Protein backbone atom coordinates (compact mmCIF):
# COMPACT_ATOMS: atom_id res chain seq x y z
CA MET A 1 -5.07 111.92 116.74
CA ARG A 2 -1.82 110.12 115.98
CA ARG A 3 -0.28 113.37 114.74
CA GLN A 4 -1.39 115.24 117.85
CA LEU A 5 0.18 112.61 120.10
CA LEU A 6 3.50 112.82 118.28
CA THR A 7 3.50 116.62 118.46
CA SER A 8 2.77 116.52 122.19
CA THR A 9 5.45 113.89 122.75
CA THR A 10 8.04 115.86 120.81
CA ALA A 11 7.33 118.97 122.85
CA LEU A 12 7.78 117.11 126.11
CA VAL A 13 11.01 115.45 124.92
CA LEU A 14 12.45 118.87 124.12
CA LEU A 15 11.23 120.25 127.42
CA LEU A 16 12.95 117.50 129.40
CA GLY A 17 16.08 117.48 127.26
CA ALA A 18 15.76 113.89 126.05
CA GLY A 19 18.49 111.92 124.37
CA SER A 20 21.22 109.62 125.56
CA ALA A 21 23.69 112.49 125.82
CA TYR A 22 21.57 114.16 128.49
CA ALA A 23 19.97 111.21 130.27
CA GLY A 24 20.48 111.16 134.00
CA MET A 25 19.44 112.40 137.42
CA ASP A 26 19.05 116.05 136.38
CA GLU A 27 16.34 114.99 133.94
CA ALA A 28 14.81 112.69 136.56
CA LYS A 29 14.64 115.53 139.10
CA ALA A 30 13.07 117.84 136.51
CA PHE A 31 10.40 115.18 135.85
CA LEU A 32 9.74 114.61 139.55
CA ASP A 33 9.48 118.35 140.20
CA LYS A 34 7.16 119.04 137.28
CA GLU A 35 4.99 115.94 137.16
CA ILE A 36 5.07 113.94 140.41
CA GLY A 37 5.74 116.10 143.47
CA ASP A 38 4.24 114.39 146.51
CA VAL A 39 1.54 112.59 144.48
CA SER A 40 3.34 109.28 144.95
CA SER A 41 3.40 106.42 147.43
CA LEU A 42 7.17 107.01 147.73
CA SER A 43 9.03 109.79 149.51
CA ARG A 44 11.10 112.13 147.33
CA ALA A 45 14.28 110.36 148.42
CA ASP A 46 12.84 107.00 147.44
CA GLN A 47 11.58 108.42 144.14
CA GLU A 48 15.09 109.59 143.31
CA ALA A 49 16.55 106.24 144.32
CA GLU A 50 14.10 104.47 142.01
CA MET A 51 14.96 106.85 139.16
CA GLN A 52 18.67 106.21 139.74
CA TRP A 53 18.05 102.50 139.37
CA PHE A 54 16.34 103.10 135.98
CA ILE A 55 19.23 105.34 134.86
CA ASP A 56 21.82 102.68 135.73
CA ALA A 57 19.85 99.71 134.36
CA ALA A 58 19.18 101.52 131.06
CA LYS A 59 22.82 102.39 130.26
CA PRO A 60 23.42 99.38 127.97
CA PHE A 61 20.39 100.45 125.90
CA ALA A 62 21.05 104.20 125.69
CA GLY A 63 20.20 105.54 122.22
CA MET A 64 17.92 102.60 121.39
CA GLU A 65 14.50 103.34 119.88
CA ILE A 66 11.66 100.97 120.77
CA LYS A 67 7.98 100.71 119.88
CA VAL A 68 5.16 99.71 122.25
CA VAL A 69 1.39 99.72 121.81
CA SER A 70 -1.82 99.91 123.84
CA GLU A 71 -5.51 100.54 123.29
CA ALA A 72 -7.05 104.02 123.28
CA MET A 73 -7.91 105.17 126.79
CA THR A 74 -6.98 108.05 129.08
CA THR A 75 -4.40 106.08 131.07
CA HIS A 76 -2.48 105.08 127.96
CA SER A 77 -2.66 108.56 126.43
CA TYR A 78 -0.99 109.84 129.61
CA GLU A 79 1.72 107.21 129.25
CA SER A 80 2.25 108.04 125.60
CA GLU A 81 2.22 111.83 125.95
CA VAL A 82 3.88 112.32 129.34
CA LEU A 83 5.60 109.20 130.66
CA ALA A 84 7.21 107.99 127.43
CA PRO A 85 9.10 111.28 126.79
CA ALA A 86 10.05 111.47 130.48
CA PHE A 87 11.43 107.93 130.32
CA ALA A 88 13.40 108.88 127.21
CA ALA A 89 14.83 111.95 128.93
CA ILE A 90 15.83 110.00 132.03
CA THR A 91 17.17 106.80 130.43
CA GLY A 92 18.14 107.70 126.86
CA ILE A 93 15.81 105.01 125.49
CA LYS A 94 13.38 106.60 123.03
CA VAL A 95 9.88 105.10 123.16
CA THR A 96 7.22 105.41 120.50
CA HIS A 97 4.05 104.48 122.39
CA ASP A 98 1.32 103.91 119.81
CA ILE A 99 -2.35 104.23 120.74
CA ILE A 100 -4.74 102.14 118.62
CA GLN A 101 -8.20 100.57 119.05
CA GLU A 102 -8.58 97.50 121.26
CA GLY A 103 -9.59 95.24 118.38
CA ASP A 104 -6.50 96.33 116.45
CA VAL A 105 -4.24 95.43 119.39
CA VAL A 106 -5.67 91.90 119.42
CA GLU A 107 -5.38 91.61 115.63
CA LYS A 108 -1.75 92.81 115.58
CA ILE A 109 -0.57 90.59 118.43
CA GLN A 110 -2.23 87.68 116.65
CA THR A 111 -0.27 88.63 113.51
CA GLN A 112 3.02 88.68 115.44
CA MET A 113 2.18 85.30 116.96
CA GLN A 114 1.45 83.80 113.53
CA THR A 115 4.32 85.35 111.55
CA GLY A 116 7.08 85.89 114.10
CA GLN A 117 7.56 89.40 112.70
CA ASN A 118 8.39 91.82 115.53
CA LEU A 119 5.67 94.45 115.13
CA TYR A 120 6.12 95.86 118.66
CA ASP A 121 8.68 95.42 121.42
CA GLY A 122 6.10 95.63 124.21
CA TRP A 123 2.33 95.22 124.30
CA VAL A 124 -0.32 96.38 126.76
CA ASN A 125 -2.53 93.42 125.98
CA ASP A 126 -5.68 92.45 127.90
CA SER A 127 -5.19 89.66 130.43
CA ASP A 128 -8.22 88.05 128.74
CA LEU A 129 -5.59 86.40 126.54
CA ILE A 130 -3.90 84.61 129.49
CA GLY A 131 -5.19 81.21 128.37
CA THR A 132 -4.04 81.92 124.82
CA HIS A 133 -0.55 83.01 125.90
CA TRP A 134 -0.09 80.07 128.26
CA ARG A 135 -1.16 77.47 125.70
CA TYR A 136 0.65 78.84 122.63
CA GLN A 137 3.82 79.69 124.62
CA GLN A 138 4.67 82.62 122.34
CA VAL A 139 5.10 85.20 125.09
CA ARG A 140 7.88 85.37 127.65
CA ASN A 141 6.79 84.02 131.00
CA LEU A 142 7.80 86.88 133.27
CA THR A 143 8.51 84.72 136.32
CA ASP A 144 11.42 83.01 134.55
CA PHE A 145 12.40 86.16 132.64
CA MET A 146 12.78 88.21 135.84
CA ALA A 147 14.85 85.46 137.49
CA ASN A 148 17.15 84.84 134.54
CA GLU A 149 17.87 86.85 131.37
CA GLY A 150 15.83 89.83 132.58
CA LYS A 151 17.25 89.91 136.10
CA ASP A 152 19.57 92.86 135.39
CA VAL A 153 16.61 94.94 134.13
CA THR A 154 14.08 93.99 136.83
CA ASN A 155 13.48 96.72 139.40
CA PRO A 156 14.22 95.47 142.94
CA ASN A 157 11.46 97.87 144.08
CA LEU A 158 8.87 96.49 141.63
CA ASP A 159 7.02 94.89 144.59
CA LEU A 160 4.81 92.36 142.81
CA ASP A 161 2.81 91.77 146.00
CA ASP A 162 1.52 95.36 145.72
CA PHE A 163 -0.23 94.62 142.39
CA ILE A 164 -3.91 93.74 142.90
CA GLY A 165 -4.36 91.81 139.64
CA LEU A 166 -1.58 89.20 139.53
CA SER A 167 -4.02 86.30 139.95
CA PHE A 168 -5.50 87.34 136.59
CA THR A 169 -2.15 87.19 134.77
CA THR A 170 -0.89 83.94 136.31
CA ALA A 171 -1.45 80.69 134.41
CA PRO A 172 -2.19 77.21 135.81
CA ASP A 173 1.57 76.54 135.74
CA LYS A 174 1.84 79.23 138.48
CA LYS A 175 3.96 81.45 136.21
CA LEU A 176 3.30 85.15 135.65
CA TYR A 177 2.81 85.92 131.94
CA GLN A 178 1.73 89.59 132.04
CA LEU A 179 2.22 92.61 134.32
CA PRO A 180 -0.93 94.71 134.99
CA ASP A 181 -0.78 98.31 133.75
CA GLN A 182 -4.39 99.44 134.23
CA GLN A 183 -7.59 97.92 135.63
CA PHE A 184 -11.24 98.87 135.61
CA ALA A 185 -14.40 96.96 136.50
CA ASN A 186 -17.97 96.91 135.31
CA VAL A 187 -20.30 97.59 138.21
CA TYR A 188 -23.80 98.82 139.02
CA TRP A 189 -24.42 102.57 138.53
CA PHE A 190 -27.45 104.44 139.88
CA ARG A 191 -28.85 107.91 140.58
CA TYR A 192 -28.22 108.24 144.30
CA ASP A 193 -30.24 111.46 144.42
CA TRP A 194 -33.32 109.87 142.82
CA PHE A 195 -33.11 106.79 145.03
CA ASN A 196 -33.07 109.02 148.13
CA ASP A 197 -35.96 111.23 147.00
CA GLU A 198 -38.78 110.82 149.53
CA LYS A 199 -41.60 110.69 146.94
CA ASN A 200 -39.73 108.15 144.81
CA LYS A 201 -39.11 106.01 147.91
CA ALA A 202 -42.73 106.22 149.07
CA ASP A 203 -44.19 105.48 145.62
CA PHE A 204 -41.84 102.54 145.09
CA LYS A 205 -42.60 101.06 148.51
CA GLU A 206 -46.34 101.39 147.87
CA LYS A 207 -46.14 99.70 144.47
CA TYR A 208 -43.66 96.88 145.19
CA GLY A 209 -43.86 96.39 148.94
CA TYR A 210 -40.14 96.78 149.69
CA ASP A 211 -37.61 99.60 149.93
CA LEU A 212 -36.06 101.33 146.93
CA GLY A 213 -32.32 100.70 147.17
CA VAL A 214 -29.32 99.06 145.52
CA PRO A 215 -30.65 95.85 143.93
CA VAL A 216 -29.01 92.69 145.22
CA ASN A 217 -30.63 90.51 142.56
CA TRP A 218 -31.96 90.86 139.01
CA SER A 219 -35.59 90.68 140.20
CA ALA A 220 -35.14 93.93 142.13
CA TYR A 221 -33.23 95.53 139.24
CA GLU A 222 -36.13 94.70 136.95
CA ASP A 223 -38.67 96.24 139.33
CA ILE A 224 -36.60 99.42 139.64
CA ALA A 225 -36.24 99.60 135.84
CA GLU A 226 -40.00 99.29 135.45
CA PHE A 227 -40.67 101.87 138.18
CA PHE A 228 -38.51 104.62 136.68
CA THR A 229 -39.24 104.04 132.98
CA GLY A 230 -41.65 106.76 131.85
CA ARG A 231 -41.63 108.40 135.29
CA ASP A 232 -41.49 112.18 135.53
CA VAL A 233 -38.42 113.23 137.51
CA ASN A 234 -37.84 116.97 137.89
CA GLY A 235 -39.97 117.67 134.84
CA GLN A 236 -38.40 115.16 132.47
CA LYS A 237 -39.36 111.66 131.35
CA VAL A 238 -36.67 109.19 132.43
CA TYR A 239 -35.65 105.60 131.76
CA GLY A 240 -34.97 102.79 134.20
CA HIS A 241 -32.13 101.08 132.33
CA MET A 242 -29.34 101.67 129.80
CA ASP A 243 -27.48 99.29 127.49
CA TYR A 244 -26.57 98.95 123.81
CA GLY A 245 -27.58 96.55 121.05
CA LYS A 246 -26.01 97.28 117.65
CA LYS A 247 -24.54 94.26 115.86
CA ASP A 248 -20.96 95.40 116.09
CA PRO A 249 -17.71 93.90 117.51
CA SER A 250 -18.23 95.87 120.73
CA LEU A 251 -21.42 93.87 121.34
CA GLY A 252 -19.19 90.85 121.97
CA TRP A 253 -17.35 92.54 124.87
CA ARG A 254 -20.73 93.22 126.44
CA PHE A 255 -21.09 89.46 126.97
CA THR A 256 -17.60 87.97 127.15
CA ASP A 257 -17.05 90.58 129.86
CA ALA A 258 -18.77 88.32 132.35
CA TRP A 259 -22.48 89.02 131.77
CA LEU A 260 -23.21 85.31 131.95
CA SER A 261 -21.44 84.95 135.30
CA MET A 262 -23.65 87.68 136.77
CA ALA A 263 -26.66 85.57 135.78
CA GLY A 264 -25.15 82.47 137.40
CA ASN A 265 -23.59 80.70 134.43
CA GLY A 266 -20.61 78.43 135.10
CA ASP A 267 -19.22 77.21 138.39
CA LYS A 268 -18.08 78.65 141.69
CA GLY A 269 -14.48 79.81 141.90
CA LEU A 270 -12.39 82.99 141.97
CA PRO A 271 -11.04 84.54 139.88
CA ASN A 272 -12.97 82.23 137.50
CA GLY A 273 -15.33 79.30 137.76
CA LEU A 274 -13.87 75.79 137.65
CA PRO A 275 -14.27 73.45 135.91
CA VAL A 276 -16.78 75.57 133.92
CA ASP A 277 -15.96 79.27 133.49
CA GLU A 278 -18.17 82.27 132.72
CA TRP A 279 -17.90 81.69 128.96
CA GLY A 280 -19.45 78.28 129.60
CA ILE A 281 -16.20 76.52 128.59
CA LYS A 282 -15.36 73.42 130.63
CA VAL A 283 -11.85 72.11 131.32
CA ASP A 284 -10.66 68.79 132.71
CA GLU A 285 -8.33 68.25 135.68
CA ASN A 286 -5.34 69.14 133.46
CA SER A 287 -6.91 72.45 132.34
CA ARG A 288 -7.64 71.10 128.87
CA PRO A 289 -10.87 72.55 127.36
CA VAL A 290 -13.35 69.72 126.80
CA GLY A 291 -16.43 71.55 125.54
CA SER A 292 -18.63 74.64 125.42
CA CYS A 293 -22.09 73.19 124.74
CA VAL A 294 -24.19 71.54 127.44
CA ALA A 295 -23.85 68.30 125.45
CA ARG A 296 -20.16 68.14 126.46
CA GLY A 297 -20.64 69.42 130.00
CA GLY A 298 -20.22 73.09 129.11
CA ASP A 299 -22.70 75.86 129.85
CA THR A 300 -22.62 78.37 126.97
CA ASN A 301 -26.11 77.29 125.88
CA GLY A 302 -27.38 76.15 129.28
CA PRO A 303 -30.42 77.55 131.11
CA ALA A 304 -28.38 80.18 132.98
CA ALA A 305 -26.84 81.51 129.77
CA VAL A 306 -30.16 81.64 127.93
CA TYR A 307 -31.72 83.44 130.91
CA ALA A 308 -28.84 85.96 130.82
CA ILE A 309 -29.40 86.73 127.14
CA GLN A 310 -33.19 86.87 127.44
CA LYS A 311 -33.04 89.38 130.31
CA TYR A 312 -30.63 91.53 128.30
CA LEU A 313 -33.06 91.53 125.36
CA ASP A 314 -36.17 92.17 127.46
CA TRP A 315 -34.66 95.06 129.44
CA LEU A 316 -33.14 96.74 126.39
CA LYS A 317 -36.53 96.74 124.66
CA ALA A 318 -38.72 97.67 127.63
CA TYR A 319 -36.69 100.03 129.81
CA ALA A 320 -33.85 101.68 127.84
CA PRO A 321 -34.05 104.77 125.60
CA PRO A 322 -35.22 103.67 122.11
CA ALA A 323 -31.93 104.78 120.53
CA ALA A 324 -29.97 102.30 122.69
CA GLN A 325 -30.91 99.41 120.39
CA GLY A 326 -28.81 100.94 117.61
CA MET A 327 -25.85 102.06 119.76
CA THR A 328 -22.34 100.64 120.12
CA PHE A 329 -20.31 100.47 123.33
CA SER A 330 -18.64 103.86 122.86
CA GLU A 331 -21.88 105.57 121.82
CA SER A 332 -23.79 104.31 124.85
CA GLY A 333 -21.13 105.15 127.43
CA PRO A 334 -21.89 108.89 127.87
CA VAL A 335 -25.70 108.49 127.91
CA PRO A 336 -26.17 108.07 131.71
CA GLY A 337 -24.22 111.31 132.17
CA GLN A 338 -26.91 113.17 130.23
CA GLY A 339 -29.31 112.81 133.16
CA GLU A 340 -32.19 110.69 131.84
CA VAL A 341 -31.26 107.24 133.16
CA ALA A 342 -31.97 105.93 136.67
CA GLN A 343 -29.60 102.95 136.74
CA GLN A 344 -27.30 100.82 134.65
CA MET A 345 -26.43 97.25 135.57
CA PHE A 346 -23.29 97.14 133.43
CA MET A 347 -21.22 100.33 133.78
CA TYR A 348 -17.46 100.32 133.22
CA THR A 349 -15.58 102.30 135.86
CA GLY A 350 -13.33 103.35 132.98
CA PHE A 351 -16.07 105.91 132.21
CA THR A 352 -15.73 107.54 135.66
CA ALA A 353 -13.74 110.54 134.45
CA ASP A 354 -16.45 111.27 131.86
CA LEU A 355 -19.21 111.05 134.50
CA VAL A 356 -17.70 113.55 136.97
CA LYS A 357 -17.08 116.44 134.57
CA GLU A 358 -18.14 119.87 135.77
CA GLY A 359 -21.45 121.05 134.33
CA LEU A 360 -22.96 117.62 133.67
CA PRO A 361 -26.59 117.11 134.76
CA VAL A 362 -25.36 114.26 136.99
CA VAL A 363 -22.81 116.38 138.90
CA ASN A 364 -23.63 118.78 141.77
CA GLU A 365 -22.34 122.35 141.83
CA ASP A 366 -19.72 121.40 144.44
CA GLY A 367 -18.30 118.75 142.09
CA THR A 368 -19.75 115.74 143.91
CA PRO A 369 -21.68 113.26 141.75
CA LYS A 370 -25.43 112.72 141.96
CA TRP A 371 -24.77 109.05 141.22
CA ARG A 372 -22.93 106.15 142.88
CA PHE A 373 -21.23 102.88 141.97
CA ALA A 374 -22.23 99.71 143.82
CA PRO A 375 -21.74 95.95 143.39
CA SER A 376 -23.67 94.43 140.51
CA PRO A 377 -26.87 92.50 141.25
CA HIS A 378 -26.86 88.80 140.40
CA GLY A 379 -29.28 86.57 138.53
CA VAL A 380 -31.40 83.72 139.79
CA TYR A 381 -28.82 81.04 138.88
CA TRP A 382 -25.99 82.78 140.77
CA LYS A 383 -24.60 81.12 143.91
CA GLU A 384 -22.33 82.43 146.66
CA GLY A 385 -18.71 81.81 145.68
CA MET A 386 -19.16 82.75 142.01
CA LYS A 387 -17.57 85.75 140.36
CA LEU A 388 -19.93 88.71 140.06
CA GLY A 389 -18.57 90.77 137.21
CA TYR A 390 -15.73 91.66 134.91
CA GLN A 391 -12.50 93.51 135.44
CA ASP A 392 -10.45 94.72 132.47
CA VAL A 393 -6.72 94.29 133.11
CA GLY A 394 -4.52 95.74 130.36
CA SER A 395 -1.15 94.12 130.99
CA TRP A 396 2.41 94.35 129.73
CA THR A 397 3.22 91.38 127.50
CA LEU A 398 6.60 90.53 125.96
CA MET A 399 6.65 88.28 122.89
CA LYS A 400 9.34 85.64 122.43
CA SER A 401 9.74 86.86 118.83
CA THR A 402 11.03 90.22 120.12
CA PRO A 403 14.87 90.39 120.19
CA ASP A 404 16.28 90.14 123.72
CA ASP A 405 17.75 93.64 123.92
CA ARG A 406 14.53 95.23 122.67
CA ALA A 407 12.44 93.15 125.09
CA LYS A 408 14.68 94.26 127.97
CA ALA A 409 14.34 97.93 127.00
CA ALA A 410 10.55 97.53 126.73
CA TRP A 411 10.49 95.81 130.13
CA LEU A 412 12.28 98.82 131.64
CA TYR A 413 9.62 101.12 130.18
CA ALA A 414 6.80 98.82 131.40
CA GLN A 415 8.20 98.96 134.93
CA PHE A 416 8.64 102.74 134.74
CA VAL A 417 4.99 103.41 133.88
CA THR A 418 3.80 101.02 136.62
CA SER A 419 6.39 102.08 139.22
CA LYS A 420 5.48 103.29 142.69
CA THR A 421 7.06 106.63 141.78
CA VAL A 422 4.49 107.39 139.08
CA ASP A 423 1.52 105.12 139.77
CA VAL A 424 -0.46 107.38 142.11
CA LYS A 425 -0.26 110.29 139.66
CA LYS A 426 -1.15 108.02 136.72
CA ALA A 427 -4.14 106.67 138.65
CA HIS A 428 -5.41 110.20 139.33
CA VAL A 429 -5.34 110.84 135.58
CA GLY A 430 -6.94 107.61 134.36
CA LEU A 431 -8.66 106.19 137.48
CA THR A 432 -7.53 102.66 136.58
CA PHE A 433 -6.00 101.09 139.69
CA ILE A 434 -3.30 98.42 139.74
CA ARG A 435 -1.52 98.86 143.11
CA GLU A 436 -2.84 98.48 146.66
CA SER A 437 -0.51 101.28 147.81
CA THR A 438 -2.14 103.61 145.27
CA ILE A 439 -5.71 102.72 146.25
CA ARG A 440 -4.85 103.38 149.90
CA HIS A 441 -3.01 106.66 149.20
CA GLU A 442 -4.30 109.61 151.23
CA SER A 443 -4.88 111.65 148.08
CA PHE A 444 -7.60 109.17 147.05
CA THR A 445 -9.16 109.34 150.50
CA GLU A 446 -9.47 113.08 149.91
CA ARG A 447 -10.77 112.67 146.36
CA ALA A 448 -13.18 109.81 147.10
CA PRO A 449 -16.30 111.97 147.67
CA LYS A 450 -16.08 113.18 144.07
CA LEU A 451 -15.73 109.70 142.53
CA GLY A 452 -19.11 108.20 143.43
CA GLY A 453 -18.01 105.13 145.35
CA LEU A 454 -15.13 104.10 143.06
CA ILE A 455 -12.54 104.27 145.84
CA GLU A 456 -14.84 102.61 148.36
CA PHE A 457 -15.42 99.76 145.89
CA TYR A 458 -11.70 99.24 145.24
CA ARG A 459 -10.96 99.27 148.95
CA SER A 460 -13.78 96.83 149.72
CA PRO A 461 -13.64 93.05 150.17
CA ALA A 462 -16.21 92.78 147.33
CA ARG A 463 -13.54 93.71 144.78
CA VAL A 464 -12.20 90.17 144.44
CA GLN A 465 -15.44 88.96 142.81
CA TRP A 466 -14.68 91.00 139.67
CA SER A 467 -12.21 89.35 137.31
CA PRO A 468 -11.20 89.14 133.63
CA THR A 469 -11.59 86.20 131.28
CA GLY A 470 -9.66 83.24 132.70
CA THR A 471 -7.47 80.43 131.45
CA ASN A 472 -10.27 78.13 130.19
CA VAL A 473 -10.42 80.12 126.93
CA PRO A 474 -7.80 78.50 124.66
CA ASP A 475 -7.71 81.10 121.87
CA TYR A 476 -9.26 84.44 122.81
CA PRO A 477 -8.85 86.19 119.42
CA LYS A 478 -10.59 83.38 117.53
CA LEU A 479 -13.35 82.72 120.07
CA ALA A 480 -14.17 86.29 121.13
CA GLN A 481 -15.14 87.32 117.59
CA LEU A 482 -17.87 84.66 117.55
CA TRP A 483 -19.83 86.30 120.36
CA TRP A 484 -20.92 89.55 118.75
CA GLN A 485 -22.23 87.73 115.70
CA ALA A 486 -24.29 85.27 117.74
CA ILE A 487 -25.61 87.85 120.22
CA GLY A 488 -26.24 90.24 117.32
CA ASP A 489 -28.59 87.70 115.80
CA ALA A 490 -30.54 87.59 119.06
CA SER A 491 -30.50 91.37 119.46
CA SER A 492 -31.85 91.88 115.94
CA GLY A 493 -34.56 89.27 116.40
CA ALA A 494 -33.12 86.91 113.79
CA LYS A 495 -32.70 84.18 116.44
CA THR A 496 -34.15 83.42 119.86
CA ALA A 497 -31.83 83.53 122.88
CA GLN A 498 -31.65 79.72 122.90
CA GLU A 499 -30.92 79.52 119.17
CA ALA A 500 -28.21 82.16 119.43
CA MET A 501 -26.43 80.38 122.28
CA ASP A 502 -26.79 76.98 120.60
CA SER A 503 -25.07 78.46 117.57
CA LEU A 504 -22.38 80.17 119.64
CA CYS A 505 -21.37 77.06 121.60
CA ALA A 506 -21.26 75.00 118.40
CA GLU A 507 -19.00 77.56 116.72
CA GLN A 508 -16.73 77.68 119.79
CA GLU A 509 -16.43 73.90 119.71
CA LYS A 510 -15.51 73.95 116.00
CA VAL A 511 -12.54 76.22 116.83
CA MET A 512 -11.51 74.00 119.75
CA GLU A 513 -11.78 70.88 117.58
CA ARG A 514 -9.48 72.48 114.98
CA ILE A 515 -6.93 73.33 117.68
CA GLU A 516 -7.17 69.76 119.01
CA ARG A 517 -6.57 68.27 115.55
CA SER A 518 -3.61 70.55 114.91
CA GLY A 519 -1.88 69.57 118.16
CA VAL A 520 -0.38 73.08 118.29
CA GLN A 521 -1.19 73.53 121.99
CA GLY A 522 0.23 70.16 123.00
CA ASP A 523 -0.99 68.44 126.15
CA ILE A 524 -2.71 71.58 127.50
CA GLY A 525 -4.83 72.14 124.38
CA PRO A 526 -8.48 71.10 123.88
CA LYS A 527 -9.52 67.45 124.21
CA MET A 528 -13.23 67.29 123.40
CA ALA A 529 -15.53 65.24 125.65
CA GLU A 530 -18.21 62.71 124.75
CA GLN A 531 -21.73 64.03 124.27
CA HIS A 532 -24.65 63.47 126.66
CA ASP A 533 -27.79 65.38 127.67
CA LEU A 534 -28.20 68.19 130.22
CA GLU A 535 -29.47 65.88 132.97
CA TYR A 536 -26.40 63.62 132.59
CA TRP A 537 -23.91 66.46 132.89
CA ASN A 538 -25.80 68.18 135.73
CA LYS A 539 -25.86 64.92 137.70
CA ASP A 540 -22.14 64.43 136.99
CA ALA A 541 -21.33 67.99 138.13
CA VAL A 542 -23.31 67.67 141.38
CA ALA A 543 -21.67 64.32 142.14
CA LYS A 544 -18.26 66.01 141.82
CA GLY A 545 -19.24 68.96 144.01
CA SER A 546 -19.69 71.54 141.24
CA LEU A 547 -22.73 73.20 139.64
CA ALA A 548 -22.63 73.68 135.91
CA PRO A 549 -24.59 73.11 133.84
CA GLN A 550 -27.53 73.87 136.13
CA LEU A 551 -31.05 72.67 135.34
CA LYS A 552 -33.67 75.24 134.38
CA ILE A 553 -35.35 77.01 137.29
CA GLU A 554 -39.07 77.15 136.56
CA ASN A 555 -39.69 80.47 138.35
CA GLU A 556 -36.84 82.74 137.28
CA LYS A 557 -38.42 85.75 139.02
CA GLU A 558 -37.05 85.24 142.54
CA LYS A 559 -37.98 87.35 145.56
CA PRO A 560 -36.55 90.86 144.96
CA LEU A 561 -33.97 92.14 147.43
CA THR A 562 -32.41 95.60 147.89
CA VAL A 563 -29.89 97.10 150.29
CA ASN A 564 -29.32 100.67 151.50
CA TYR A 565 -26.23 102.06 149.79
CA ASP A 566 -24.90 104.00 152.78
CA GLU A 567 -25.24 100.98 155.06
CA LEU A 568 -23.49 98.80 152.47
CA VAL A 569 -20.47 101.14 152.30
CA LYS A 570 -20.40 101.37 156.09
CA SER A 571 -20.28 97.57 156.36
CA TRP A 572 -17.23 97.49 154.06
CA GLN A 573 -15.42 100.02 156.24
CA GLU A 574 -16.22 98.07 159.39
């Protein structure tokens, strides 16, 4: 794959006439003619003006070669294969844009943080590390960088207000630490055609006493999963649910990516619960982590978290294809597109492009999908005002250990690939939205019917309830790796849901205690709280106007509730 990317990049560099000797407006116009056209939120005149700014700002760095890195996904392949050589042709700065696995990105940035060795000049690093970056202070805070040493290389047309994810990359000190490059959410996915089938609707209504529709809560999701599992639909046996369960690092993402918040774990608050977040980690009034276990006021092993894990286990066993238990994240992703699954609670919109391919059983002959995206249902512990799901925000991150000139050149490239000139086209390729102007572009209004509700979701007021990991997590690389091991024990049957979460919160607290003892994060690092029982901390939370940890709800099967999809979308538009 690496060799193919280099070959493709080389071909495009030659095509555009890259190199500092040729960099300039002729190359910019060739790029705009060939690649952008009118698929941009800017007019051609404004595109050229923006390109002229990049040409002028890049002159001190002409001939420089820099290295940047991002995880493997369609958006970043487009940047690596198309935008990097175009940037080189226009500015004279040669960019090697490496594509590696997400876990490798985290491992390598951790290595650069620990050693100070400059492995890459720019990183597309998940905003899930915002708490890590703020506390360790090893990345450039972009607010100060843009105002001071990076002022001469900061695009006056960057328009930060146009980015939809800046709240995710801003720390409690109100400084911006990362610039969003791509975003995708995990939402509810369902077979719109099956849900609108008259026999399916009649049979469901007769059995459950309410209308088949988009589930608002987990009780309804569970009923729908039961209804479709084993049902004959168009001559084939289908399943009511899809997920994955192999003990593998990707199992951790399945849960750190806000599964607990959907159940009702943590506190109210957007983009993340405060003082207890969706990992169950509690912070004090100074944003210092004070605990993860219920015994310290956290919620990682509280009733809501245990309920979240138990539902995951029950549904995977009862309603998903048998093979799902042994699948990883990447293996499970294409399964709904094969036409045997009625719904999936936890579907990443990053899979959209793979679910709208011509010829799939889930795509009509006219190219419109037989499925739709909708907001995720919530669990019995969830309260209005809580986040409702996860949003992945891969964001440009500049390390302090990167030499100034190289960081400036990388910042120019980061702004180029997120610029208004190219963002609409990039979004059509990868379907990972970062700018409001892109989401509202007329080309996406035209394309919306073929994207199953993706555009409607991103234009809706519901969007704000989906967010990445927040600032309560003091060391994402160290803590995230604990999740897949603990959940894997529950998935394999080695531990109960309660035992797995008890183990997880204890391991998280061990890491936080080590950070506290080291003093490396100073006065914003962990400061562990005294230990008390669940009733003590619940009473304390309620007295202070918060929720977590909540007491166990005896009847966790609440009254099921569904909503008509078409009416839901109409209400957003109104």
